PDB file of N, CA and C in Angstrom:
ATOM      1  N   MET A   1       3.307-212.704-118.048  1.00  0.00           N
ATOM      2  CA  MET A   1       4.978-213.236-118.431  1.00  0.00           C
ATOM      3  C   MET A   1       5.375-212.934-119.083  1.00  0.00           C
ATOM      4  N   THR A   2       6.570-212.893-119.805  1.00  0.00           N
ATOM      5  CA  THR A   2       6.867-212.153-121.269  1.00  0.00           C
ATOM      6  C   THR A   2       7.540-213.923-121.284  1.00  0.00           C
ATOM      7  N   ILE A   3       7.468-214.587-123.020  1.00  0.00           N
ATOM      8  CA  ILE A   3       7.703-215.761-123.261  1.00  0.00           C
ATOM      9  C   ILE A   3       9.141-215.262-124.520  1.00  0.00           C
ATOM     10  N   ILE A   4      10.077-215.670-124.298  1.00  0.00           N
ATOM     11  CA  ILE A   4      11.392-215.818-124.683  1.00  0.00           C
ATOM     12  C   ILE A   4      11.457-217.195-125.420  1.00  0.00           C
ATOM     13  N   THR A   5      11.779-216.291-127.170  1.00  0.00           N
ATOM     14  CA  THR A   5      11.963-217.736-127.822  1.00  0.00           C
ATOM     15  C   THR A   5      13.395-217.154-128.387  1.00  0.00           C
ATOM     16  N   PRO A   6      14.327-218.818-127.877  1.00  0.00           N
ATOM     17  CA  PRO A   6      15.748-218.250-128.336  1.00  0.00           C
ATOM     18  C   PRO A   6      15.981-218.817-129.677  1.00  0.00           C
ATOM     19  N   ILE A   7      16.991-218.376-130.516  1.00  0.00           N
ATOM     20  CA  ILE A   7      17.030-218.139-132.401  1.00  0.00           C
ATOM     21  C   ILE A   7      18.939-218.623-132.183  1.00  0.00           C
ATOM     22  N   LEU A   8      19.146-219.929-132.383  1.00  0.00           N
ATOM     23  CA  LEU A   8      20.896-219.934-132.295  1.00  0.00           C
ATOM     24  C   LEU A   8      20.948-219.905-133.966  1.00  0.00           C
ATOM     25  N   LEU A   9      22.173-218.547-134.116  1.00  0.00           N
ATOM     26  CA  LEU A   9      22.207-217.918-135.146  1.00  0.00           C
ATOM     27  C   LEU A   9      23.597-218.846-135.657  1.00  0.00           C
ATOM     28  N   CYS A  10      23.423-220.008-136.748  1.00  0.00           N
ATOM     29  CA  CYS A  10      24.347-220.678-135.949  1.00  0.00           C
ATOM     30  C   CYS A  10      25.321-221.308-137.850  1.00  0.00           C
ATOM     31  N   GLY A  11      25.914-221.333-138.240  1.00  0.00           N
ATOM     32  CA  GLY A  11      26.392-222.283-139.540  1.00  0.00           C
ATOM     33  C   GLY A  11      25.396-221.989-140.805  1.00  0.00           C
ATOM     34  N   GLY A  12      25.597-222.877-141.873  1.00  0.00           N
ATOM     35  CA  GLY A  12      24.974-223.127-142.835  1.00  0.00           C
ATOM     36  C   GLY A  12      24.647-221.151-143.763  1.00  0.00           C
ATOM     37  N   SER A  13      24.035-220.927-144.542  1.00  0.00           N
ATOM     38  CA  SER A  13      23.763-219.852-145.503  1.00  0.00           C
ATOM     39  C   SER A  13      22.858-219.152-145.497  1.00  0.00           C
ATOM     40  N   GLY A  14      22.065-219.588-144.329  1.00  0.00           N
ATOM     41  CA  GLY A  14      21.474-218.916-144.000  1.00  0.00           C
ATOM     42  C   GLY A  14      20.001-218.700-145.098  1.00  0.00           C
ATOM     43  N   THR A  15      19.722-219.735-145.601  1.00  0.00           N
ATOM     44  CA  THR A  15      18.608-219.346-146.335  1.00  0.00           C
ATOM     45  C   THR A  15      17.522-219.512-146.047  1.00  0.00           C
ATOM     46  N   ARG A  16      17.022-220.071-144.509  1.00  0.00           N
ATOM     47  CA  ARG A  16      16.032-219.506-144.149  1.00  0.00           C
ATOM     48  C   ARG A  16      15.631-218.205-143.573  1.00  0.00           C
ATOM     49  N   LEU A  17      16.148-217.081-143.324  1.00  0.00           N
ATOM     50  CA  LEU A  17      16.454-215.940-142.895  1.00  0.00           C
ATOM     51  C   LEU A  17      16.454-214.905-144.325  1.00  0.00           C
ATOM     52  N   TRP A  18      16.318-215.879-145.620  1.00  0.00           N
ATOM     53  CA  TRP A  18      16.099-214.670-146.760  1.00  0.00           C
ATOM     54  C   TRP A  18      14.879-214.270-146.986  1.00  0.00           C
ATOM     55  N   PRO A  19      15.474-213.362-147.781  1.00  0.00           N
ATOM     56  CA  PRO A  19      16.177-212.132-147.983  1.00  0.00           C
ATOM     57  C   PRO A  19      16.542-211.190-146.503  1.00  0.00           C
ATOM     58  N   LEU A  20      16.221-211.685-145.504  1.00  0.00           N
ATOM     59  CA  LEU A  20      16.957-210.651-144.450  1.00  0.00           C
ATOM     60  C   LEU A  20      18.350-210.680-144.478  1.00  0.00           C
ATOM     61  N   SER A  21      18.697-212.229-144.581  1.00  0.00           N
ATOM     62  CA  SER A  21      20.361-212.598-145.029  1.00  0.00           C
ATOM     63  C   SER A  21      20.454-212.899-146.050  1.00  0.00           C
ATOM     64  N   ARG A  22      21.661-212.656-146.303  1.00  0.00           N
ATOM     65  CA  ARG A  22      22.917-212.470-148.005  1.00  0.00           C
ATOM     66  C   ARG A  22      23.994-212.968-147.516  1.00  0.00           C
ATOM     67  N   LYS A  23      24.664-212.833-148.693  1.00  0.00           N
ATOM     68  CA  LYS A  23      26.044-213.299-148.172  1.00  0.00           C
ATOM     69  C   LYS A  23      26.981-211.772-148.167  1.00  0.00           C
ATOM     70  N   SER A  24      26.189-210.542-148.660  1.00  0.00           N
ATOM     71  CA  SER A  24      26.531-209.070-148.119  1.00  0.00           C
ATOM     72  C   SER A  24      25.987-209.033-146.748  1.00  0.00           C
ATOM     73  N   TYR A  25      25.077-209.489-146.420  1.00  0.00           N
ATOM     74  CA  TYR A  25      24.307-209.015-144.519  1.00  0.00           C
ATOM     75  C   TYR A  25      24.226-210.397-143.969  1.00  0.00           C
ATOM     76  N   ALA A  26      25.181-210.560-143.117  1.00  0.00           N
ATOM     77  CA  ALA A  26      25.168-212.122-142.670  1.00  0.00           C
ATOM     78  C   ALA A  26      24.099-211.619-141.723  1.00  0.00           C
ATOM     79  N   LYS A  27      23.965-212.921-140.997  1.00  0.00           N
ATOM     80  CA  LYS A  27      22.905-213.933-139.785  1.00  0.00           C
ATOM     81  C   LYS A  27      23.010-212.345-138.707  1.00  0.00           C
ATOM     82  N   GLN A  28      24.335-212.357-138.005  1.00  0.00           N
ATOM     83  CA  GLN A  28      24.399-211.642-136.571  1.00  0.00           C
ATOM     84  C   GLN A  28      24.091-210.176-136.694  1.00  0.00           C
ATOM     85  N   PHE A  29      23.882-209.887-138.097  1.00  0.00           N
ATOM     86  CA  PHE A  29      23.674-208.498-138.482  1.00  0.00           C
ATOM     87  C   PHE A  29      22.062-208.351-138.955  1.00  0.00           C
ATOM     88  N   VAL A  30      21.190-209.462-138.623  1.00  0.00           N
ATOM     89  CA  VAL A  30      19.293-209.135-139.191  1.00  0.00           C
ATOM     90  C   VAL A  30      18.966-209.028-137.508  1.00  0.00           C
ATOM     91  N   PRO A  31      18.061-208.148-137.513  1.00  0.00           N
ATOM     92  CA  PRO A  31      17.176-207.250-136.780  1.00  0.00           C
ATOM     93  C   PRO A  31      16.498-208.374-136.401  1.00  0.00           C
ATOM     94  N   LEU A  32      16.384-209.059-134.974  1.00  0.00           N
ATOM     95  CA  LEU A  32      15.302-210.439-135.395  1.00  0.00           C
ATOM     96  C   LEU A  32      14.245-209.840-134.389  1.00  0.00           C
ATOM     97  N   ALA A  33      14.854-208.992-133.028  1.00  0.00           N
ATOM     98  CA  ALA A  33      13.863-208.679-132.650  1.00  0.00           C
ATOM     99  C   ALA A  33      13.983-206.611-132.336  1.00  0.00           C
ATOM    100  N   GLY A  34      13.017-206.101-132.880  1.00  0.00           N
ATOM    101  CA  GLY A  34      12.888-204.133-133.412  1.00  0.00           C
ATOM    102  C   GLY A  34      14.025-204.304-133.908  1.00  0.00           C
ATOM    103  N   ASP A  35      14.573-203.346-133.516  1.00  0.00           N
ATOM    104  CA  ASP A  35      16.060-202.725-134.306  1.00  0.00           C
ATOM    105  C   ASP A  35      17.331-202.848-133.629  1.00  0.00           C
ATOM    106  N   THR A  36      17.161-203.835-132.937  1.00  0.00           N
ATOM    107  CA  THR A  36      18.208-204.610-132.364  1.00  0.00           C
ATOM    108  C   THR A  36      18.546-205.882-133.322  1.00  0.00           C
ATOM    109  N   THR A  37      20.275-206.063-133.336  1.00  0.00           N
ATOM    110  CA  THR A  37      21.356-206.981-133.882  1.00  0.00           C
ATOM    111  C   THR A  37      21.301-207.784-133.140  1.00  0.00           C
ATOM    112  N   ALA A  38      21.770-209.057-133.167  1.00  0.00           N
ATOM    113  CA  ALA A  38      22.212-209.887-132.334  1.00  0.00           C
ATOM    114  C   ALA A  38      23.580-209.579-131.912  1.00  0.00           C
ATOM    115  N   LEU A  39      24.614-209.496-132.510  1.00  0.00           N
ATOM    116  CA  LEU A  39      25.805-208.784-132.833  1.00  0.00           C
ATOM    117  C   LEU A  39      26.438-207.789-131.798  1.00  0.00           C
ATOM    118  N   TRP A  40      25.193-206.178-132.075  1.00  0.00           N
ATOM    119  CA  TRP A  40      25.305-205.431-131.422  1.00  0.00           C
ATOM    120  C   TRP A  40      25.041-206.166-129.550  1.00  0.00           C
ATOM    121  N   TYR A  41      24.207-206.517-129.758  1.00  0.00           N
ATOM    122  CA  TYR A  41      23.227-206.090-128.410  1.00  0.00           C
ATOM    123  C   TYR A  41      24.325-207.175-127.631  1.00  0.00           C
ATOM    124  N   ASN A  42      24.709-208.182-127.824  1.00  0.00           N
ATOM    125  CA  ASN A  42      25.213-209.211-127.284  1.00  0.00           C
ATOM    126  C   ASN A  42      26.869-208.317-126.955  1.00  0.00           C
ATOM    127  N   SER A  43      27.659-207.161-127.660  1.00  0.00           N
ATOM    128  CA  SER A  43      28.452-206.826-127.920  1.00  0.00           C
ATOM    129  C   SER A  43      28.127-206.042-126.225  1.00  0.00           C
ATOM    130  N   LEU A  44      26.779-205.293-126.711  1.00  0.00           N
ATOM    131  CA  LEU A  44      27.091-204.091-125.376  1.00  0.00           C
ATOM    132  C   LEU A  44      26.603-205.113-124.062  1.00  0.00           C
ATOM    133  N   LEU A  45      26.063-206.461-124.013  1.00  0.00           N
ATOM    134  CA  LEU A  45      26.302-207.148-122.610  1.00  0.00           C
ATOM    135  C   LEU A  45      27.539-207.070-122.129  1.00  0.00           C
ATOM    136  N   ARG A  46      28.920-208.011-123.662  1.00  0.00           N
ATOM    137  CA  ARG A  46      29.820-207.690-122.747  1.00  0.00           C
ATOM    138  C   ARG A  46      30.557-206.935-122.138  1.00  0.00           C
ATOM    139  N   SER A  47      30.134-205.503-122.422  1.00  0.00           N
ATOM    140  CA  SER A  47      30.651-204.413-122.192  1.00  0.00           C
ATOM    141  C   SER A  47      30.973-203.934-121.097  1.00  0.00           C
ATOM    142  N   ASP A  48      31.251-202.313-120.157  1.00  0.00           N
ATOM    143  CA  ASP A  48      31.430-201.947-119.212  1.00  0.00           C
ATOM    144  C   ASP A  48      30.349-201.065-119.016  1.00  0.00           C
ATOM    145  N   TYR A  49      29.668-200.580-120.007  1.00  0.00           N
ATOM    146  CA  TYR A  49      28.241-199.622-120.003  1.00  0.00           C
ATOM    147  C   TYR A  49      27.300-199.574-119.760  1.00  0.00           C
ATOM    148  N   PRO A  50      26.953-198.725-118.721  1.00  0.00           N
ATOM    149  CA  PRO A  50      25.810-199.076-117.299  1.00  0.00           C
ATOM    150  C   PRO A  50      24.916-199.058-118.425  1.00  0.00           C
ATOM    151  N   PHE A  51      23.641-199.256-118.418  1.00  0.00           N
ATOM    152  CA  PHE A  51      22.611-199.671-119.040  1.00  0.00           C
ATOM    153  C   PHE A  51      21.445-198.716-118.426  1.00  0.00           C
ATOM    154  N   PRO A  52      20.665-198.514-118.723  1.00  0.00           N
ATOM    155  CA  PRO A  52      20.326-197.848-120.508  1.00  0.00           C
ATOM    156  C   PRO A  52      21.331-197.125-121.425  1.00  0.00           C
ATOM    157  N   LEU A  53      21.819-197.843-122.217  1.00  0.00           N
ATOM    158  CA  LEU A  53      22.638-196.871-123.052  1.00  0.00           C
ATOM    159  C   LEU A  53      21.737-196.308-124.235  1.00  0.00           C
ATOM    160  N   ARG A  54      21.419-195.019-124.564  1.00  0.00           N
ATOM    161  CA  ARG A  54      21.353-194.381-125.946  1.00  0.00           C
ATOM    162  C   ARG A  54      22.158-194.172-126.615  1.00  0.00           C
ATOM    163  N   ILE A  55      22.172-194.258-128.111  1.00  0.00           N
ATOM    164  CA  ILE A  55      22.930-193.692-129.174  1.00  0.00           C
ATOM    165  C   ILE A  55      22.154-193.072-129.666  1.00  0.00           C
TER     166      ILE A  55
END
C-alpha cells in the first residue's frame, strides 16, 4: 500500500522550504514529488487532457 503524505502550501514566506522556495521561486513551483510541481500537476488534473500526458 502506498502511503500518501499531504502537504499544504499556504501562506507565509516559505522559510521552512528554504532554500527550495524563495521570493523569486514560489512554493507552488517547488518540485516536492519527483519532477512534478504542485501547480503544474493540479493544472493537469483540472484540464481535459487524457492521462498519461507526455511532454
